Amino acid sequence: MKKQFAVFLLRWVLSSFGLWLSLRLLGAFGADYDEPATIGMFLVAGLVFSIVNTLLRPIIIILSLPAILLTLGLFTLIVNGFMVYISLMLVPGFEVSFWASVFTGIILSLINYVLSGLLELRKAEG
């Protein structure tokens, strides 16, 4: 139980960092947030993203399965972007275009991929 909670906290912090990083990088592409942005603002956004991803993503994946199969899985990038878009619309202080949220979803997926690889490496060592 402790290990699962630690993994959740790590994913939450890294999702928040990924949101901050991607919104800083994609500022010219329709991603904006209110200044001065605080760490708490991004932590709340990361928590909302985690909750939306946990509750809504499986339903959206099932509903969009034909499009995912037709595009050989590339439509999952759009689904990830939609999850980011919904999450940031629920948190006050963020304005993101849909395409900026798709790119944010790609950045978050890359961060998650690296994190999962590091966690698997630690499991193999331990």
C-alpha atoms as a PDB file:
ATOM      1  CA  MET A   1       0.000   0.000   0.000  1.00  0.00           C
ATOM      2  CA  LYS A   2       2.830   2.386   0.839  1.00  0.00           C
ATOM      3  CA  LYS A   3       4.513   1.626  -2.465  1.00  0.00           C
ATOM      4  CA  GLN A   4       1.334   2.326  -4.454  1.00  0.00           C
ATOM      5  CA  PHE A   5       0.856   5.632  -2.661  1.00  0.00           C
ATOM      6  CA  ALA A   6       4.467   6.595  -3.344  1.00  0.00           C
ATOM      7  CA  VAL A   7       4.030   5.759  -7.031  1.00  0.00           C
ATOM      8  CA  PHE A   8       0.820   7.833  -7.110  1.00  0.00           C
ATOM      9  CA  LEU A   9       2.571  10.804  -5.496  1.00  0.00           C
ATOM     10  CA  LEU A  10       5.481  10.502  -7.915  1.00  0.00           C
ATOM     11  CA  ARG A  11       3.155  10.345 -10.924  1.00  0.00           C
ATOM     12  CA  TRP A  12       1.160  13.301  -9.594  1.00  0.00           C
ATOM     13  CA  VAL A  13       4.246  15.457  -9.120  1.00  0.00           C
ATOM     14  CA  LEU A  14       5.635  14.460 -12.510  1.00  0.00           C
ATOM     15  CA  SER A  15       2.278  15.146 -14.200  1.00  0.00           C
ATOM     16  CA  SER A  16       2.265  18.578 -12.597  1.00  0.00           C
ATOM     17  CA  PHE A  17       5.835  19.166 -13.755  1.00  0.00           C
ATOM     18  CA  GLY A  18       4.924  17.940 -17.234  1.00  0.00           C
ATOM     19  CA  LEU A  19       1.984  20.333 -17.372  1.00  0.00           C
ATOM     20  CA  TRP A  20       4.216  23.217 -16.298  1.00  0.00           C
ATOM     21  CA  LEU A  21       6.918  22.286 -18.793  1.00  0.00           C
ATOM     22  CA  SER A  22       4.590  21.795 -21.716  1.00  0.00           C
ATOM     23  CA  LEU A  23       2.639  24.995 -21.040  1.00  0.00           C
ATOM     24  CA  ARG A  24       5.921  26.913 -20.890  1.00  0.00           C
ATOM     25  CA  LEU A  25       7.076  25.340 -24.168  1.00  0.00           C
ATOM     26  CA  LEU A  26       3.750  25.701 -25.965  1.00  0.00           C
ATOM     27  CA  GLY A  27       2.973  29.269 -24.919  1.00  0.00           C
ATOM     28  CA  ALA A  28       3.048  30.447 -28.521  1.00  0.00           C
ATOM     29  CA  PHE A  29       0.704  27.672 -29.666  1.00  0.00           C
ATOM     30  CA  GLY A  30      -2.394  28.570 -27.679  1.00  0.00           C
ATOM     31  CA  ALA A  31      -1.423  27.494 -24.172  1.00  0.00           C
ATOM     32  CA  ASP A  32      -1.578  30.135 -21.466  1.00  0.00           C
ATOM     33  CA  TYR A  33      -2.011  30.428 -17.731  1.00  0.00           C
ATOM     34  CA  ASP A  34      -2.572  33.306 -15.353  1.00  0.00           C
ATOM     35  CA  GLU A  35       0.476  35.032 -13.946  1.00  0.00           C
ATOM     36  CA  PRO A  36       1.796  34.700 -11.344  1.00  0.00           C
ATOM     37  CA  ALA A  37       1.520  30.946 -11.616  1.00  0.00           C
ATOM     38  CA  THR A  38       2.112  29.108  -8.378  1.00  0.00           C
ATOM     39  CA  ILE A  39       3.310  25.609  -7.715  1.00  0.00           C
ATOM     40  CA  GLY A  40      -0.037  24.896  -6.064  1.00  0.00           C
ATOM     41  CA  MET A  41      -1.863  25.824  -9.256  1.00  0.00           C
ATOM     42  CA  PHE A  42       0.066  23.201 -11.208  1.00  0.00           C
ATOM     43  CA  LEU A  43      -0.274  20.628  -8.414  1.00  0.00           C
ATOM     44  CA  VAL A  44      -4.058  21.075  -8.491  1.00  0.00           C
ATOM     45  CA  ALA A  45      -4.001  20.777 -12.283  1.00  0.00           C
ATOM     46  CA  GLY A  46      -1.912  17.591 -12.006  1.00  0.00           C
ATOM     47  CA  LEU A  47      -4.340  16.130  -9.470  1.00  0.00           C
ATOM     48  CA  VAL A  48      -7.357  16.979 -11.629  1.00  0.00           C
ATOM     49  CA  PHE A  49      -5.560  15.456 -14.625  1.00  0.00           C
ATOM     50  CA  SER A  50      -4.896  12.269 -12.648  1.00  0.00           C
ATOM     51  CA  ILE A  51      -8.526  12.004 -11.553  1.00  0.00           C
ATOM     52  CA  VAL A  52      -9.920  12.719 -15.036  1.00  0.00           C
ATOM     53  CA  ASN A  53      -7.451  10.259 -16.548  1.00  0.00           C
ATOM     54  CA  THR A  54      -8.466   7.567 -14.070  1.00  0.00           C
ATOM     55  CA  LEU A  55     -12.224   8.003 -14.328  1.00  0.00           C
ATOM     56  CA  LEU A  56     -12.923   9.238 -17.849  1.00  0.00           C
ATOM     57  CA  ARG A  57     -10.123   7.869 -20.035  1.00  0.00           C
ATOM     58  CA  PRO A  58     -11.259   4.202 -20.042  1.00  0.00           C
ATOM     59  CA  ILE A  59     -14.748   5.227 -21.156  1.00  0.00           C
ATOM     60  CA  ILE A  60     -13.409   7.477 -23.924  1.00  0.00           C
ATOM     61  CA  ILE A  61     -10.993   4.748 -25.071  1.00  0.00           C
ATOM     62  CA  ILE A  62     -13.835   2.233 -25.367  1.00  0.00           C
ATOM     63  CA  LEU A  63     -16.069   4.683 -27.220  1.00  0.00           C
ATOM     64  CA  SER A  64     -13.297   5.652 -29.634  1.00  0.00           C
ATOM     65  CA  LEU A  65     -12.061   2.107 -30.224  1.00  0.00           C
ATOM     66  CA  PRO A  66     -13.110   2.067 -33.906  1.00  0.00           C
ATOM     67  CA  ALA A  67     -11.104   5.242 -34.580  1.00  0.00           C
ATOM     68  CA  ILE A  68      -8.145   3.875 -32.626  1.00  0.00           C
ATOM     69  CA  LEU A  69      -8.182   0.644 -34.631  1.00  0.00           C
ATOM     70  CA  LEU A  70      -8.628   2.500 -37.926  1.00  0.00           C
ATOM     71  CA  THR A  71      -5.637   4.757 -37.242  1.00  0.00           C
ATOM     72  CA  LEU A  72      -3.545   1.914 -35.781  1.00  0.00           C
ATOM     73  CA  GLY A  73      -3.441   3.530 -32.364  1.00  0.00           C
ATOM     74  CA  LEU A  74      -2.609   7.107 -33.362  1.00  0.00           C
ATOM     75  CA  PHE A  75      -6.020   8.316 -32.233  1.00  0.00           C
ATOM     76  CA  THR A  76      -4.924   7.698 -28.647  1.00  0.00           C
ATOM     77  CA  LEU A  77      -2.853  10.883 -29.004  1.00  0.00           C
ATOM     78  CA  ILE A  78      -6.101  12.768 -29.585  1.00  0.00           C
ATOM     79  CA  VAL A  79      -7.709  11.004 -26.609  1.00  0.00           C
ATOM     80  CA  ASN A  80      -4.761  11.983 -24.388  1.00  0.00           C
ATOM     81  CA  GLY A  81      -5.040  15.562 -25.621  1.00  0.00           C
ATOM     82  CA  PHE A  82      -8.756  15.547 -24.881  1.00  0.00           C
ATOM     83  CA  MET A  83      -8.042  14.389 -21.310  1.00  0.00           C
ATOM     84  CA  VAL A  84      -5.569  17.264 -20.873  1.00  0.00           C
ATOM     85  CA  TYR A  85      -8.064  19.709 -22.409  1.00  0.00           C
ATOM     86  CA  ILE A  86     -10.854  18.630 -20.048  1.00  0.00           C
ATOM     87  CA  SER A  87      -8.519  18.732 -17.042  1.00  0.00           C
ATOM     88  CA  LEU A  88      -7.237  22.224 -17.736  1.00  0.00           C
ATOM     89  CA  MET A  89     -10.726  23.551 -18.436  1.00  0.00           C
ATOM     90  CA  LEU A  90     -11.776  22.369 -14.958  1.00  0.00           C
ATOM     91  CA  VAL A  91      -8.923  24.218 -13.231  1.00  0.00           C
ATOM     92  CA  PRO A  92      -9.292  28.012 -13.169  1.00  0.00           C
ATOM     93  CA  GLY A  93      -6.413  30.052 -14.550  1.00  0.00           C
ATOM     94  CA  PHE A  94      -5.561  27.912 -17.582  1.00  0.00           C
ATOM     95  CA  GLU A  95      -6.451  28.563 -21.217  1.00  0.00           C
ATOM     96  CA  VAL A  96      -5.424  25.921 -23.710  1.00  0.00           C
ATOM     97  CA  SER A  97      -6.352  25.341 -27.322  1.00  0.00           C
ATOM     98  CA  PHE A  98      -7.195  21.795 -28.318  1.00  0.00           C
ATOM     99  CA  TRP A  99      -4.037  21.280 -30.374  1.00  0.00           C
ATOM    100  CA  ALA A 100      -1.843  22.645 -27.596  1.00  0.00           C
ATOM    101  CA  SER A 101      -3.485  20.133 -25.277  1.00  0.00           C
ATOM    102  CA  VAL A 102      -2.687  17.335 -27.765  1.00  0.00           C
ATOM    103  CA  PHE A 103       0.988  18.334 -27.709  1.00  0.00           C
ATOM    104  CA  THR A 104       0.817  18.604 -23.913  1.00  0.00           C
ATOM    105  CA  GLY A 105      -0.589  15.068 -23.856  1.00  0.00           C
ATOM    106  CA  ILE A 106       2.358  13.883 -25.956  1.00  0.00           C
ATOM    107  CA  ILE A 107       4.824  15.500 -23.546  1.00  0.00           C
ATOM    108  CA  LEU A 108       3.014  13.964 -20.559  1.00  0.00           C
ATOM    109  CA  SER A 109       3.047  10.552 -22.253  1.00  0.00           C
ATOM    110  CA  LEU A 110       6.798  10.807 -22.782  1.00  0.00           C
ATOM    111  CA  ILE A 111       7.334  11.740 -19.127  1.00  0.00           C
ATOM    112  CA  ASN A 112       5.104   8.840 -18.035  1.00  0.00           C
ATOM    113  CA  TYR A 113       6.994   6.467 -20.339  1.00  0.00           C
ATOM    114  CA  VAL A 114      10.341   7.476 -18.854  1.00  0.00           C
ATOM    115  CA  LEU A 115       8.948   7.202 -15.318  1.00  0.00           C
ATOM    116  CA  SER A 116       7.518   3.744 -15.971  1.00  0.00           C
ATOM    117  CA  GLY A 117      10.846   2.625 -17.399  1.00  0.00           C
ATOM    118  CA  LEU A 118      12.706   3.901 -14.345  1.00  0.00           C
ATOM    119  CA  LEU A 119      10.268   2.213 -11.968  1.00  0.00           C
ATOM    120  CA  GLU A 120      10.606  -1.091 -13.847  1.00  0.00           C
ATOM    121  CA  LEU A 121      14.395  -0.742 -13.677  1.00  0.00           C
ATOM    122  CA  ARG A 122      14.210  -0.290  -9.908  1.00  0.00           C
ATOM    123  CA  LYS A 123      11.983  -3.361  -9.594  1.00  0.00           C
ATOM    124  CA  ALA A 124      14.496  -5.425 -11.578  1.00  0.00           C
ATOM    125  CA  GLU A 125      17.393  -4.252  -9.382  1.00  0.00           C
ATOM    126  CA  GLY A 126      15.552  -4.832  -6.092  1.00  0.00           C
END
